């Protein structure tokens, strides 16, 4: 009989193929920040698929 070889489980990808093409799934973060220089609230967005963050002054 042959020897049974165990394979290591696959690691999940950090970035999906949609995110690589620039189609992120943005979700608004729970914390709101205040920008003192601009005098407005700044929203923090996080991609649900890859975890990338971006900020936007509303």
PDB file of N, CA and C in Angstrom:
ATOM      1  N   UNK A   1       0.827  -1.191   0.000  1.00  0.00           N
ATOM      2  CA  UNK A   1       0.000   0.000   0.000  1.00  0.00           C
ATOM      3  C   UNK A   1       0.870   1.252   0.000  1.00  0.00           C
ATOM      4  N   UNK A   2       0.310   2.281  -0.588  1.00  0.00           N
ATOM      5  CA  UNK A   2       1.020   3.547  -0.634  1.00  0.00           C
ATOM      6  C   UNK A   2       0.855   4.345   0.654  1.00  0.00           C
ATOM      7  N   UNK A   3       1.705   5.314   0.799  1.00  0.00           N
ATOM      8  CA  UNK A   3       1.671   6.164   1.990  1.00  0.00           C
ATOM      9  C   UNK A   3       0.655   7.288   1.787  1.00  0.00           C
ATOM     10  N   UNK A   4      -0.153   7.562   2.809  1.00  0.00           N
ATOM     11  CA  UNK A   4      -1.169   8.626   2.734  1.00  0.00           C
ATOM     12  C   UNK A   4      -0.502   9.951   3.082  1.00  0.00           C
ATOM     13  N   UNK A   5      -0.642  10.920   2.180  1.00  0.00           N
ATOM     14  CA  UNK A   5      -0.042  12.228   2.386  1.00  0.00           C
ATOM     15  C   UNK A   5      -1.140  13.201   2.794  1.00  0.00           C
ATOM     16  N   UNK A   6      -0.931  13.911   3.904  1.00  0.00           N
ATOM     17  CA  UNK A   6      -1.901  14.916   4.357  1.00  0.00           C
ATOM     18  C   UNK A   6      -1.492  16.265   3.798  1.00  0.00           C
ATOM     19  N   UNK A   7      -2.463  16.980   3.271  1.00  0.00           N
ATOM     20  CA  UNK A   7      -2.231  18.311   2.743  1.00  0.00           C
ATOM     21  C   UNK A   7      -2.603  19.348   3.782  1.00  0.00           C
ATOM     22  N   UNK A   8      -1.877  20.455   3.790  1.00  0.00           N
ATOM     23  CA  UNK A   8      -2.186  21.547   4.713  1.00  0.00           C
ATOM     24  C   UNK A   8      -3.428  22.270   4.209  1.00  0.00           C
ATOM     25  N   UNK A   9      -4.279  22.754   5.111  1.00  0.00           N
ATOM     26  CA  UNK A   9      -5.467  23.481   4.657  1.00  0.00           C
ATOM     27  C   UNK A   9      -5.067  24.774   3.960  1.00  0.00           C
ATOM     28  N   UNK A  10      -5.867  25.175   2.992  1.00  0.00           N
ATOM     29  CA  UNK A  10      -5.586  26.403   2.252  1.00  0.00           C
ATOM     30  C   UNK A  10      -5.811  27.612   3.129  1.00  0.00           C
ATOM     31  N   UNK A  11      -4.949  28.601   2.954  1.00  0.00           N
ATOM     32  CA  UNK A  11      -5.112  29.856   3.676  1.00  0.00           C
ATOM     33  C   UNK A  11      -6.098  30.725   2.891  1.00  0.00           C
ATOM     34  N   UNK A  12      -6.996  31.423   3.579  1.00  0.00           N
ATOM     35  CA  UNK A  12      -7.923  32.296   2.850  1.00  0.00           C
ATOM     36  C   UNK A  12      -7.173  33.460   2.214  1.00  0.00           C
ATOM     37  N   UNK A  13      -7.644  33.844   1.066  1.00  0.00           N
ATOM     38  CA  UNK A  13      -7.024  34.971   0.376  1.00  0.00           C
ATOM     39  C   UNK A  13      -7.329  36.261   1.118  1.00  0.00           C
ATOM     40  N   UNK A  14      -6.362  37.174   1.072  1.00  0.00           N
ATOM     41  CA  UNK A  14      -6.575  38.461   1.708  1.00  0.00           C
ATOM     42  C   UNK A  14      -7.481  39.343   0.859  1.00  0.00           C
ATOM     43  N   UNK A  15      -7.384  39.211  -0.437  1.00  0.00           N
ATOM     44  CA  UNK A  15      -8.135  40.066  -1.336  1.00  0.00           C
ATOM     45  C   UNK A  15      -8.895  39.216  -2.330  1.00  0.00           C
ATOM     46  N   UNK A  16     -10.170  39.514  -2.502  1.00  0.00           N
ATOM     47  CA  UNK A  16     -10.942  38.770  -3.487  1.00  0.00           C
ATOM     48  C   UNK A  16     -10.652  39.324  -4.878  1.00  0.00           C
ATOM     49  N   UNK A  17     -11.081  38.609  -5.887  1.00  0.00           N
ATOM     50  CA  UNK A  17     -10.813  39.051  -7.251  1.00  0.00           C
ATOM     51  C   UNK A  17     -11.569  40.334  -7.571  1.00  0.00           C
ATOM     52  N   UNK A  18     -12.725  40.534  -6.945  1.00  0.00           N
ATOM     53  CA  UNK A  18     -13.463  41.782  -7.169  1.00  0.00           C
ATOM     54  C   UNK A  18     -12.688  42.975  -6.625  1.00  0.00           C
ATOM     55  N   UNK A  19     -12.098  42.815  -5.455  1.00  0.00           N
ATOM     56  CA  UNK A  19     -11.337  43.909  -4.854  1.00  0.00           C
ATOM     57  C   UNK A  19     -10.085  44.224  -5.674  1.00  0.00           C
ATOM     58  N   UNK A  20      -9.466  43.223  -6.234  1.00  0.00           N
ATOM     59  CA  UNK A  20      -8.284  43.465  -7.068  1.00  0.00           C
ATOM     60  C   UNK A  20      -8.637  44.305  -8.280  1.00  0.00           C
ATOM     61  N   UNK A  21      -9.867  44.176  -8.752  1.00  0.00           N
ATOM     62  CA  UNK A  21     -10.311  44.954  -9.916  1.00  0.00           C
ATOM     63  C   UNK A  21     -10.889  46.310  -9.516  1.00  0.00           C
ATOM     64  N   UNK A  22     -10.924  46.609  -8.213  1.00  0.00           N
ATOM     65  CA  UNK A  22     -11.393  47.921  -7.762  1.00  0.00           C
ATOM     66  C   UNK A  22     -12.857  47.958  -7.360  1.00  0.00           C
ATOM     67  N   UNK A  23     -13.517  46.809  -7.251  1.00  0.00           N
ATOM     68  CA  UNK A  23     -14.934  46.753  -6.873  1.00  0.00           C
ATOM     69  C   UNK A  23     -15.048  46.323  -5.418  1.00  0.00           C
ATOM     70  N   UNK A  24     -14.774  47.263  -4.514  1.00  0.00           N
ATOM     71  CA  UNK A  24     -14.814  46.966  -3.091  1.00  0.00           C
ATOM     72  C   UNK A  24     -16.250  47.008  -2.588  1.00  0.00           C
ATOM     73  N   UNK A  25     -16.484  46.383  -1.461  1.00  0.00           N
ATOM     74  CA  UNK A  25     -17.791  46.381  -0.812  1.00  0.00           C
ATOM     75  C   UNK A  25     -17.656  47.221   0.456  1.00  0.00           C
ATOM     76  N   UNK A  26     -17.852  48.547   0.309  1.00  0.00           N
ATOM     77  CA  UNK A  26     -17.601  49.478   1.396  1.00  0.00           C
ATOM     78  C   UNK A  26     -18.728  49.441   2.411  1.00  0.00           C
ATOM     79  N   UNK A  27     -18.353  49.498   3.677  1.00  0.00           N
ATOM     80  CA  UNK A  27     -19.305  49.576   4.770  1.00  0.00           C
ATOM     81  C   UNK A  27     -18.814  50.667   5.716  1.00  0.00           C
ATOM     82  N   UNK A  28     -19.743  51.485   6.226  1.00  0.00           N
ATOM     83  CA  UNK A  28     -19.379  52.602   7.082  1.00  0.00           C
ATOM     84  C   UNK A  28     -18.923  52.076   8.439  1.00  0.00           C
ATOM     85  N   UNK A  29     -17.800  52.600   8.907  1.00  0.00           N
ATOM     86  CA  UNK A  29     -17.296  52.219  10.222  1.00  0.00           C
ATOM     87  C   UNK A  29     -18.166  52.814  11.320  1.00  0.00           C
ATOM     88  N   UNK A  30     -18.091  52.254  12.500  1.00  0.00           N
ATOM     89  CA  UNK A  30     -18.946  52.704  13.588  1.00  0.00           C
ATOM     90  C   UNK A  30     -18.446  53.986  14.237  1.00  0.00           C
ATOM     91  N   UNK A  31     -17.151  54.225  14.173  1.00  0.00           N
ATOM     92  CA  UNK A  31     -16.615  55.436  14.790  1.00  0.00           C
ATOM     93  C   UNK A  31     -16.676  56.597  13.803  1.00  0.00           C
ATOM     94  N   UNK A  32     -17.083  57.754  14.268  1.00  0.00           N
ATOM     95  CA  UNK A  32     -17.022  58.964  13.446  1.00  0.00           C
ATOM     96  C   UNK A  32     -15.949  59.861  14.029  1.00  0.00           C
ATOM     97  N   UNK A  33     -15.234  60.517  13.182  1.00  0.00           N
ATOM     98  CA  UNK A  33     -14.149  61.384  13.606  1.00  0.00           C
ATOM     99  C   UNK A  33     -14.453  62.804  13.186  1.00  0.00           C
ATOM    100  N   UNK A  34     -13.868  63.756  13.879  1.00  0.00           N
ATOM    101  CA  UNK A  34     -14.048  65.157  13.542  1.00  0.00           C
ATOM    102  C   UNK A  34     -12.713  65.724  13.110  1.00  0.00           C
ATOM    103  N   UNK A  35     -12.686  66.295  11.902  1.00  0.00           N
ATOM    104  CA  UNK A  35     -11.469  66.908  11.374  1.00  0.00           C
ATOM    105  C   UNK A  35     -11.454  68.372  11.793  1.00  0.00           C
ATOM    106  N   UNK A  36     -10.474  68.752  12.578  1.00  0.00           N
ATOM    107  CA  UNK A  36     -10.420  70.096  13.119  1.00  0.00           C
ATOM    108  C   UNK A  36     -10.095  71.114  12.028  1.00  0.00           C
ATOM    109  N   UNK A  37      -9.214  70.757  11.115  1.00  0.00           N
ATOM    110  CA  UNK A  37      -8.804  71.707  10.076  1.00  0.00           C
ATOM    111  C   UNK A  37      -9.948  72.033   9.121  1.00  0.00           C
ATOM    112  N   UNK A  38     -10.711  71.024   8.708  1.00  0.00           N
ATOM    113  CA  UNK A  38     -11.814  71.254   7.776  1.00  0.00           C
ATOM    114  C   UNK A  38     -13.105  71.627   8.492  1.00  0.00           C
ATOM    115  N   UNK A  39     -13.220  71.260   9.764  1.00  0.00           N
ATOM    116  CA  UNK A  39     -14.424  71.578  10.527  1.00  0.00           C
ATOM    117  C   UNK A  39     -15.602  70.704  10.147  1.00  0.00           C
ATOM    118  N   UNK A  40     -15.369  69.445   9.757  1.00  0.00           N
ATOM    119  CA  UNK A  40     -16.452  68.528   9.390  1.00  0.00           C
ATOM    120  C   UNK A  40     -16.204  67.135   9.959  1.00  0.00           C
ATOM    121  N   UNK A  41     -17.263  66.349   9.908  1.00  0.00           N
ATOM    122  CA  UNK A  41     -17.148  64.955  10.308  1.00  0.00           C
ATOM    123  C   UNK A  41     -16.489  64.160   9.194  1.00  0.00           C
ATOM    124  N   UNK A  42     -15.681  63.194   9.583  1.00  0.00           N
ATOM    125  CA  UNK A  42     -14.989  62.337   8.625  1.00  0.00           C
ATOM    126  C   UNK A  42     -15.501  60.919   8.825  1.00  0.00           C
ATOM    127  N   UNK A  43     -15.987  60.312   7.754  1.00  0.00           N
ATOM    128  CA  UNK A  43     -16.477  58.937   7.820  1.00  0.00           C
ATOM    129  C   UNK A  43     -15.360  57.983   7.431  1.00  0.00           C
ATOM    130  N   UNK A  44     -15.274  56.877   8.157  1.00  0.00           N
ATOM    131  CA  UNK A  44     -14.275  55.847   7.865  1.00  0.00           C
ATOM    132  C   UNK A  44     -15.012  54.667   7.244  1.00  0.00           C
ATOM    133  N   UNK A  45     -14.609  54.281   6.038  1.00  0.00           N
ATOM    134  CA  UNK A  45     -15.211  53.158   5.326  1.00  0.00           C
ATOM    135  C   UNK A  45     -14.242  51.988   5.335  1.00  0.00           C
ATOM    136  N   UNK A  46     -14.781  50.773   5.461  1.00  0.00           N
ATOM    137  CA  UNK A  46     -13.958  49.569   5.462  1.00  0.00           C
ATOM    138  C   UNK A  46     -14.565  48.561   4.492  1.00  0.00           C
ATOM    139  N   UNK A  47     -13.725  47.955   3.655  1.00  0.00           N
ATOM    140  CA  UNK A  47     -14.183  46.939   2.719  1.00  0.00           C
ATOM    141  C   UNK A  47     -14.437  45.649   3.489  1.00  0.00           C
ATOM    142  N   UNK A  48     -15.617  45.057   3.273  1.00  0.00           N
ATOM    143  CA  UNK A  48     -15.969  43.825   3.975  1.00  0.00           C
ATOM    144  C   UNK A  48     -15.172  42.633   3.483  1.00  0.00           C
ATOM    145  N   UNK A  49     -14.722  42.664   2.246  1.00  0.00           N
ATOM    146  CA  UNK A  49     -14.015  41.516   1.674  1.00  0.00           C
ATOM    147  C   UNK A  49     -12.537  41.501   2.044  1.00  0.00           C
ATOM    148  N   UNK A  50     -11.845  42.632   1.832  1.00  0.00           N
ATOM    149  CA  UNK A  50     -10.385  42.626   1.989  1.00  0.00           C
ATOM    150  C   UNK A  50      -9.893  43.411   3.196  1.00  0.00           C
ATOM    151  N   UNK A  51     -10.733  44.227   3.819  1.00  0.00           N
ATOM    152  CA  UNK A  51     -10.330  44.959   5.013  1.00  0.00           C
ATOM    153  C   UNK A  51      -9.658  46.289   4.743  1.00  0.00           C
ATOM    154  N   UNK A  52      -9.628  46.759   3.502  1.00  0.00           N
ATOM    155  CA  UNK A  52      -9.036  48.035   3.163  1.00  0.00           C
ATOM    156  C   UNK A  52      -9.886  49.158   3.754  1.00  0.00           C
ATOM    157  N   UNK A  53      -9.258  50.223   4.226  1.00  0.00           N
ATOM    158  CA  UNK A  53     -10.004  51.349   4.796  1.00  0.00           C
ATOM    159  C   UNK A  53      -9.757  52.601   3.978  1.00  0.00           C
ATOM    160  N   UNK A  54     -10.771  53.471   3.975  1.00  0.00           N
ATOM    161  CA  UNK A  54     -10.631  54.784   3.347  1.00  0.00           C
ATOM    162  C   UNK A  54     -11.433  55.780   4.167  1.00  0.00           C
ATOM    163  N   UNK A  55     -11.047  57.033   4.088  1.00  0.00           N
ATOM    164  CA  UNK A  55     -11.754  58.093   4.819  1.00  0.00           C
ATOM    165  C   UNK A  55     -12.365  59.051   3.824  1.00  0.00           C
ATOM    166  N   UNK A  56     -13.470  59.643   4.242  1.00  0.00           N
ATOM    167  CA  UNK A  56     -14.166  60.574   3.359  1.00  0.00           C
ATOM    168  C   UNK A  56     -14.810  61.655   4.216  1.00  0.00           C
ATOM    169  N   UNK A  57     -14.587  62.923   3.870  1.00  0.00           N
ATOM    170  CA  UNK A  57     -15.187  64.041   4.589  1.00  0.00           C
ATOM    171  C   UNK A  57     -16.564  64.324   3.978  1.00  0.00           C
ATOM    172  N   UNK A  58     -17.577  64.201   4.789  1.00  0.00           N
ATOM    173  CA  UNK A  58     -18.953  64.438   4.320  1.00  0.00           C
ATOM    174  C   UNK A  58     -19.421  65.825   4.664  1.00  0.00           C
TER     175      UNK A  58
END
